[in-house]
Structure formats: structure tokens, C-alpha cells
Protein backbone atom coordinates (compact mmCIF):
# COMPACT_ATOMS: atom_id res chain seq x y z
CA UNK A 1 0.00 0.00 0.00
CA UNK A 2 1.22 3.56 -0.66
CA UNK A 3 2.79 5.61 2.12
CA UNK A 4 0.51 8.07 3.95
CA UNK A 5 0.05 11.51 2.45
CA UNK A 6 0.91 10.23 -1.04
CA UNK A 7 -0.69 12.39 -3.69
CA UNK A 8 -2.34 11.58 -6.99
CA UNK A 9 0.65 13.25 -8.67
CA UNK A 10 2.98 10.64 -7.17
CA UNK A 11 0.76 7.75 -8.27
CA UNK A 12 0.47 9.15 -11.78
CA UNK A 13 4.24 9.50 -11.97
CA UNK A 14 4.80 5.88 -10.87
CA UNK A 15 2.30 4.56 -13.42
CA UNK A 16 3.99 6.59 -16.13
CA UNK A 17 7.40 5.13 -15.26
CA UNK A 18 5.95 1.63 -15.40
CA UNK A 19 4.58 2.35 -18.87
CA UNK A 20 7.90 3.86 -19.99
CA UNK A 21 9.82 0.79 -18.81
CA UNK A 22 7.90 -1.35 -21.29
CA UNK A 23 9.36 0.77 -24.08
CA UNK A 24 12.95 0.69 -22.82
CA UNK A 25 15.57 -1.85 -23.78
CA UNK A 26 16.72 -3.02 -20.35
CA UNK A 27 19.04 -5.70 -21.65
CA UNK A 28 19.98 -7.96 -18.73
CA UNK A 29 18.79 -5.43 -16.16
CA UNK A 30 15.45 -6.03 -14.45
CA UNK A 31 13.37 -3.33 -12.76
CA UNK A 32 9.77 -3.62 -11.55
CA UNK A 33 7.49 -2.75 -8.62
CA UNK A 34 6.30 -5.44 -6.23
CA UNK A 35 2.94 -7.03 -6.89
CA UNK A 36 1.18 -5.44 -3.93
CA UNK A 37 3.03 -2.15 -3.43
CA UNK A 38 3.85 0.40 -6.13
CA UNK A 39 6.22 2.19 -3.75
CA UNK A 40 8.47 -0.85 -3.29
CA UNK A 41 10.61 -1.84 -6.27
CA UNK A 42 13.30 -4.41 -6.94
CA UNK A 43 16.05 -4.50 -9.54
CA UNK A 44 18.89 -6.77 -10.62
CA UNK A 45 22.10 -5.45 -12.15
CA UNK A 46 24.51 -7.83 -13.89
CA UNK A 47 28.19 -7.13 -13.41
CA UNK A 48 29.32 -5.08 -16.43
CA UNK A 49 31.39 -6.94 -18.97
CA UNK A 50 35.11 -6.29 -18.52
CA UNK A 51 34.72 -5.08 -14.94
CA UNK A 52 35.86 -6.88 -11.78
CA UNK A 53 32.17 -7.64 -11.12
CA UNK A 54 31.61 -9.46 -14.40
CA UNK A 55 29.67 -12.67 -13.93
CA UNK A 56 27.88 -11.43 -10.82
CA UNK A 57 24.23 -10.55 -10.37
CA UNK A 58 23.47 -7.81 -7.85
CA UNK A 59 20.05 -7.40 -6.26
CA UNK A 60 18.83 -3.91 -5.40
CA UNK A 61 15.84 -2.70 -3.41
CA UNK A 62 14.19 0.67 -4.04
CA UNK A 63 11.80 2.45 -1.72
CA UNK A 64 9.85 5.49 -2.90
CA UNK A 65 8.79 8.33 -0.60
CA UNK A 66 5.20 9.62 -0.48
CA UNK A 67 6.25 12.74 -2.39
CA UNK A 68 8.23 11.01 -5.14
CA UNK A 69 9.58 12.27 -7.57
CA UNK A 70 10.22 15.42 -5.57
CA UNK A 71 12.45 13.49 -3.20
CA UNK A 72 15.06 10.93 -4.16
CA UNK A 73 14.30 7.22 -3.84
CA UNK A 74 16.11 5.17 -1.23
CA UNK A 75 18.23 2.55 -2.99
CA UNK A 76 20.00 -0.31 -1.20
CA UNK A 77 22.24 -3.13 -2.43
CA UNK A 78 21.09 -6.49 -1.06
CA UNK A 79 24.01 -8.39 -2.58
CA UNK A 80 27.37 -7.92 -0.89
CA UNK A 81 29.89 -6.17 -3.07
CA UNK A 82 33.47 -5.01 -2.65
CA UNK A 83 33.08 -1.40 -3.74
CA UNK A 84 34.36 1.87 -2.31
CA UNK A 85 31.01 3.65 -2.89
CA UNK A 86 28.82 0.88 -1.38
CA UNK A 87 29.21 -0.17 2.23
CA UNK A 88 28.49 -3.49 3.94
CA UNK A 89 24.89 -2.47 4.71
CA UNK A 90 24.24 -1.81 1.04
CA UNK A 91 24.08 1.97 1.33
CA UNK A 92 25.21 3.80 -1.80
CA UNK A 93 27.19 7.01 -2.15
CA UNK A 94 26.25 8.56 -5.48
CA UNK A 95 25.42 12.20 -6.16
CA UNK A 96 22.11 11.67 -7.97
CA UNK A 97 20.70 10.02 -4.86
CA UNK A 98 21.76 12.96 -2.70
CA UNK A 99 22.11 16.62 -3.61
CA UNK A 100 21.97 16.10 -7.40
CA UNK A 101 18.59 14.44 -7.44
CA UNK A 102 16.03 15.92 -9.84
CA UNK A 103 12.37 15.07 -10.56
CA UNK A 104 13.47 14.81 -14.20
CA UNK A 105 15.35 11.64 -13.30
CA UNK A 106 13.64 8.25 -13.21
CA UNK A 107 14.23 4.92 -11.56
CA UNK A 108 15.51 3.53 -14.84
CA UNK A 109 18.17 6.26 -15.02
CA UNK A 110 19.13 5.56 -11.41
CA UNK A 111 19.74 1.88 -12.19
CA UNK A 112 21.80 2.80 -15.26
CA UNK A 113 23.92 5.10 -13.08
CA UNK A 114 24.51 2.28 -10.60
CA UNK A 115 25.61 -0.01 -13.42
CA UNK A 116 28.09 2.65 -14.54
CA UNK A 117 29.31 2.99 -10.95
CA UNK A 118 30.38 -0.65 -11.00
CA UNK A 119 32.61 0.06 -13.99
CA UNK A 120 33.88 3.47 -12.85
CA UNK A 121 33.97 3.84 -9.05
CA UNK A 122 34.53 7.27 -7.54
CA UNK A 123 37.54 7.27 -5.18
CA UNK A 124 37.09 11.01 -4.54
CA UNK A 125 33.84 10.48 -2.67
CA UNK A 126 34.17 7.03 -1.09
CA UNK A 127 31.79 5.46 1.39
CA UNK A 128 34.47 2.90 2.36
CA UNK A 129 37.80 4.83 2.51
CA UNK A 130 39.95 1.70 2.98
CA UNK A 131 38.76 0.23 -0.31
CA UNK A 132 39.32 3.56 -2.05
CA UNK A 133 42.91 3.69 -0.70
CA UNK A 134 43.58 0.15 -1.89
CA UNK A 135 42.10 1.00 -5.28
CA UNK A 136 44.53 3.91 -5.68
CA UNK A 137 47.65 2.28 -4.22
CA UNK A 138 47.29 -1.40 -5.05
CA UNK A 139 44.89 -1.88 -7.93
CA UNK A 140 45.88 -5.52 -8.44
CA UNK A 141 44.94 -6.50 -4.90
CA UNK A 142 41.74 -4.48 -5.07
CA UNK A 143 40.65 -6.18 -8.27
CA UNK A 144 41.50 -9.61 -6.93
CA UNK A 145 39.41 -9.08 -3.80
CA UNK A 146 36.51 -7.64 -5.80
CA UNK A 147 36.48 -10.71 -8.06
CA UNK A 148 36.59 -13.03 -5.05
CA UNK A 149 33.59 -11.29 -3.47
CA UNK A 150 31.74 -11.47 -6.76
CA UNK A 151 32.38 -15.20 -6.92
CA UNK A 152 31.32 -15.72 -3.30
CA UNK A 153 28.27 -13.50 -3.03
CA UNK A 154 27.03 -12.49 -6.48
CA UNK A 155 27.44 -15.56 -8.64
CA UNK A 156 23.94 -16.53 -9.81
CA UNK A 157 22.92 -20.10 -9.03
CA UNK A 158 23.32 -22.56 -11.86
CA UNK A 159 21.10 -25.41 -12.68
CA UNK A 160 22.57 -28.68 -11.30
CA UNK A 161 20.09 -30.64 -12.57
CA UNK A 162 21.20 -32.18 -15.65
CA UNK A 163 18.75 -34.95 -15.18
CA UNK A 164 15.81 -35.31 -17.52
CA UNK A 165 12.52 -36.71 -16.36
CA UNK A 166 11.97 -40.23 -17.46
CA UNK A 167 15.66 -40.90 -17.93
CA UNK A 168 18.10 -42.49 -15.59
CA UNK A 169 15.79 -45.36 -14.75
CA UNK A 170 17.28 -48.81 -14.76
CA UNK A 171 16.37 -50.75 -17.82
CA UNK A 172 15.26 -54.36 -17.51
CA UNK A 173 17.87 -56.73 -18.78
CA UNK A 174 16.51 -59.72 -20.67
CA UNK A 175 17.46 -63.23 -19.80
CA UNK A 176 20.51 -64.42 -21.69
CA UNK A 177 19.93 -66.69 -24.64
CA UNK A 178 19.97 -70.37 -23.68
CA UNK A 179 23.24 -72.12 -24.24
CA UNK A 180 23.35 -74.70 -27.03
CA UNK A 181 22.56 -78.26 -25.97
CA UNK A 182 25.44 -80.64 -25.34
CA UNK A 183 25.49 -84.39 -25.51
CA UNK A 184 26.65 -86.28 -22.42
CA UNK A 185 28.51 -89.56 -22.49
CA UNK A 186 25.37 -91.41 -21.47
CA UNK A 187 23.61 -90.20 -24.59
CA UNK A 188 21.30 -87.72 -22.76
CA UNK A 189 20.80 -84.15 -23.96
CA UNK A 190 21.40 -81.36 -21.38
CA UNK A 191 20.61 -77.64 -21.57
CA UNK A 192 21.46 -74.66 -19.33
CA UNK A 193 18.16 -72.96 -20.01
CA UNK A 194 16.38 -74.73 -17.14
CA UNK A 195 14.43 -77.95 -16.74
CA UNK A 196 13.68 -79.67 -20.02
CA UNK A 197 12.35 -83.06 -20.99
CA UNK A 198 14.71 -85.05 -23.16
CA UNK A 199 14.67 -88.58 -24.49
CA UNK A 200 17.68 -90.84 -24.89
CA UNK A 201 17.51 -93.75 -27.34
CA UNK A 202 20.12 -96.50 -27.03
CA UNK A 203 20.41 -99.10 -29.79
CA UNK A 204 22.28 -102.35 -29.26
CA UNK A 205 23.25 -104.44 -32.24
CA UNK A 206 22.60 -108.17 -32.15
CA UNK A 207 21.69 -110.89 -34.55
CA UNK A 208 18.20 -111.46 -33.05
CA UNK A 209 16.27 -109.14 -35.34
CA UNK A 210 16.61 -108.51 -39.00
CA UNK A 211 16.04 -104.73 -38.92
CA UNK A 212 18.63 -102.35 -40.29
CA UNK A 213 19.43 -98.92 -38.90
CA UNK A 214 20.68 -96.42 -41.45
CA UNK A 215 22.91 -98.69 -43.47
CA UNK A 216 23.56 -101.23 -40.74
CA UNK A 217 23.27 -104.87 -41.84
CA UNK A 218 20.17 -106.86 -41.03
CA UNK A 219 20.03 -108.96 -37.96
CA UNK A 220 20.38 -106.15 -35.40
CA UNK A 221 18.27 -105.59 -32.33
CA UNK A 222 17.16 -102.10 -31.27
CA UNK A 223 16.54 -101.43 -27.68
CA UNK A 224 14.99 -98.08 -26.71
CA UNK A 225 15.16 -96.70 -23.24
CA UNK A 226 13.41 -93.47 -22.54
CA UNK A 227 14.34 -91.36 -19.55
CA UNK A 228 12.52 -88.30 -18.23
CA UNK A 229 14.79 -85.52 -17.16
CA UNK A 230 13.39 -82.85 -14.84
CA UNK A 231 15.91 -80.30 -13.60
CA UNK A 232 18.69 -82.53 -12.23
CA UNK A 233 19.13 -84.81 -15.33
CA UNK A 234 18.17 -88.50 -15.51
CA UNK A 235 20.78 -91.17 -15.47
CA UNK A 236 20.62 -93.64 -18.38
CA UNK A 237 22.28 -97.03 -18.02
CA UNK A 238 24.94 -97.52 -20.59
CA UNK A 239 25.79 -101.10 -21.50
CA UNK A 240 29.33 -101.99 -22.33
CA UNK A 241 30.23 -100.86 -25.74
CA UNK A 242 33.15 -100.93 -28.05
CA UNK A 243 32.09 -98.37 -30.64
CA UNK A 244 29.43 -95.64 -30.77
CA UNK A 245 27.65 -94.24 -33.75
CA UNK A 246 25.81 -90.96 -33.07
CA UNK A 247 22.74 -90.39 -35.18
CA UNK A 248 20.44 -87.33 -34.75
CA UNK A 249 17.13 -88.05 -36.45
CA UNK A 250 15.21 -85.24 -34.79
CA UNK A 251 15.76 -81.90 -33.05
CA UNK A 252 15.68 -83.24 -29.48
CA UNK A 253 16.34 -87.02 -29.99
CA UNK A 254 19.82 -88.53 -29.84
CA UNK A 255 20.33 -92.09 -31.04
CA UNK A 256 23.46 -93.87 -29.87
CA UNK A 257 24.31 -97.04 -31.73
CA UNK A 258 26.68 -99.43 -30.04
CA UNK A 259 28.30 -102.48 -31.62
């Protein structure tokens, strides 16, 4: 709410400055009244390029009197800065905010003057004499300290979040492809893909029957023994044999022929 005794002239002037700001090219500078009080303004001033304050972002508060623009606004730095014309409480020593104030000036011109003050400080009218003395006698040390303060207090926060929503989640890894089947000495088929049912067929040659197996002479006897294998693998009795002939008639059947 406006200060007491504020006149319609003051309110008209504030509204006119708000309208003029929309026409100005502020660049990286921001300047605007608060949402609920036209007499309370905030501004941000980036450190001028090439100055010891480059890379910093300085926050400023502005308070207007009830008779503005006939009295100068009260301007305060809220960001700490190593500057001879700005003390630790944020008070500013600049002529246009003291005896050189004029109703012809505006808040936008005040902020531009503060930006220029960061580039060209005034050691002849310092608010912090020790910094002014260091500026004159040891410019290198002064500039080094000013850059350190800028890094510590005025560096704008950066986004640390390089993460993107929906990313970074663990992906499900599919089961590895089953290993190829291998034939055991007992003629059974084993697989590493889990429990499977396999059949082992053992053929013994004899002269009792006259059937032939794939080119074998007649008079051989075939003996089939089927074994069910569930998980641990079934054991298949293997009669004494001298020679083995492996025949694979089907995908999952193994025929062992023994003489």
C-alpha cells in the first residue's frame, strides 16, 4: 500500500514510469514494482562486462517516498559487493541520490547510473575509505578481492540438474539366450536354459532281429530306453560298448548305436 500523504501526482508518476519501462531496452537489467506495493521496487544489475564484477548478479531494493519524484528514492544493495562507494549495509554514495537528485530523473536512469558505478567507481567520494585507498595504491589486490567477493556472493545459481525426467531409470535386462545343448557320455541331452524333458535312445546291435538302422546290416536288435529328465538330469544305463555311432534323427532325440 502507498505511504501516507501520497498524492495523486505521485501515483500518476509511478504509473507513467511503469509504462515507460515497457518501451525501454533493459538488456539484462530487471526493474519492476512489487505485486502489492507500487512504492516498493526491486532490480537486478549484472556485473558489467570487462569489470571486476563481471559474472555477478546484484540485487537492489528501491523504496519510494510519499512525495516522489520530488524526493530521491532510497536505494540499497542487497548483494554484498566489494566497492568503495557501497558499504556493507548496502548503502550507496552517489550524487544523484543525494544533492543532485532531480524530478526529471527516473528509476531507470538511477539503475543505469549504478551499473556505470560498477565500472567506474569514484575514489574522490568514497563510502568505504579503505577500499578507495587500496584502489589507488594497489589496484591488483583491489581487483583480486573484488572478483573473489563477486564469486562468493554475487554468482547466480546454476542449474545442477542435468537430469531429464523419465531418464536415468534402470532398464530391464533380458534373460541371456539359452546355451546350445550338449550331448553327455550317457547319450542324454542337457541344456542350461532350465528344466527340459529329453529322451535318450540307445540301440544295441545283435543278430536277433533282421532290422537295419541307417545302413547297418540286417540282424540287429534295437533297444529303446526313454528317460525323463526334470531339472537334475536323468541317469541312463549304458551297456558296455566298443564303438558308438551318433545319429540325430530329430531336433531333441539322440540315437546312440553301439556295436
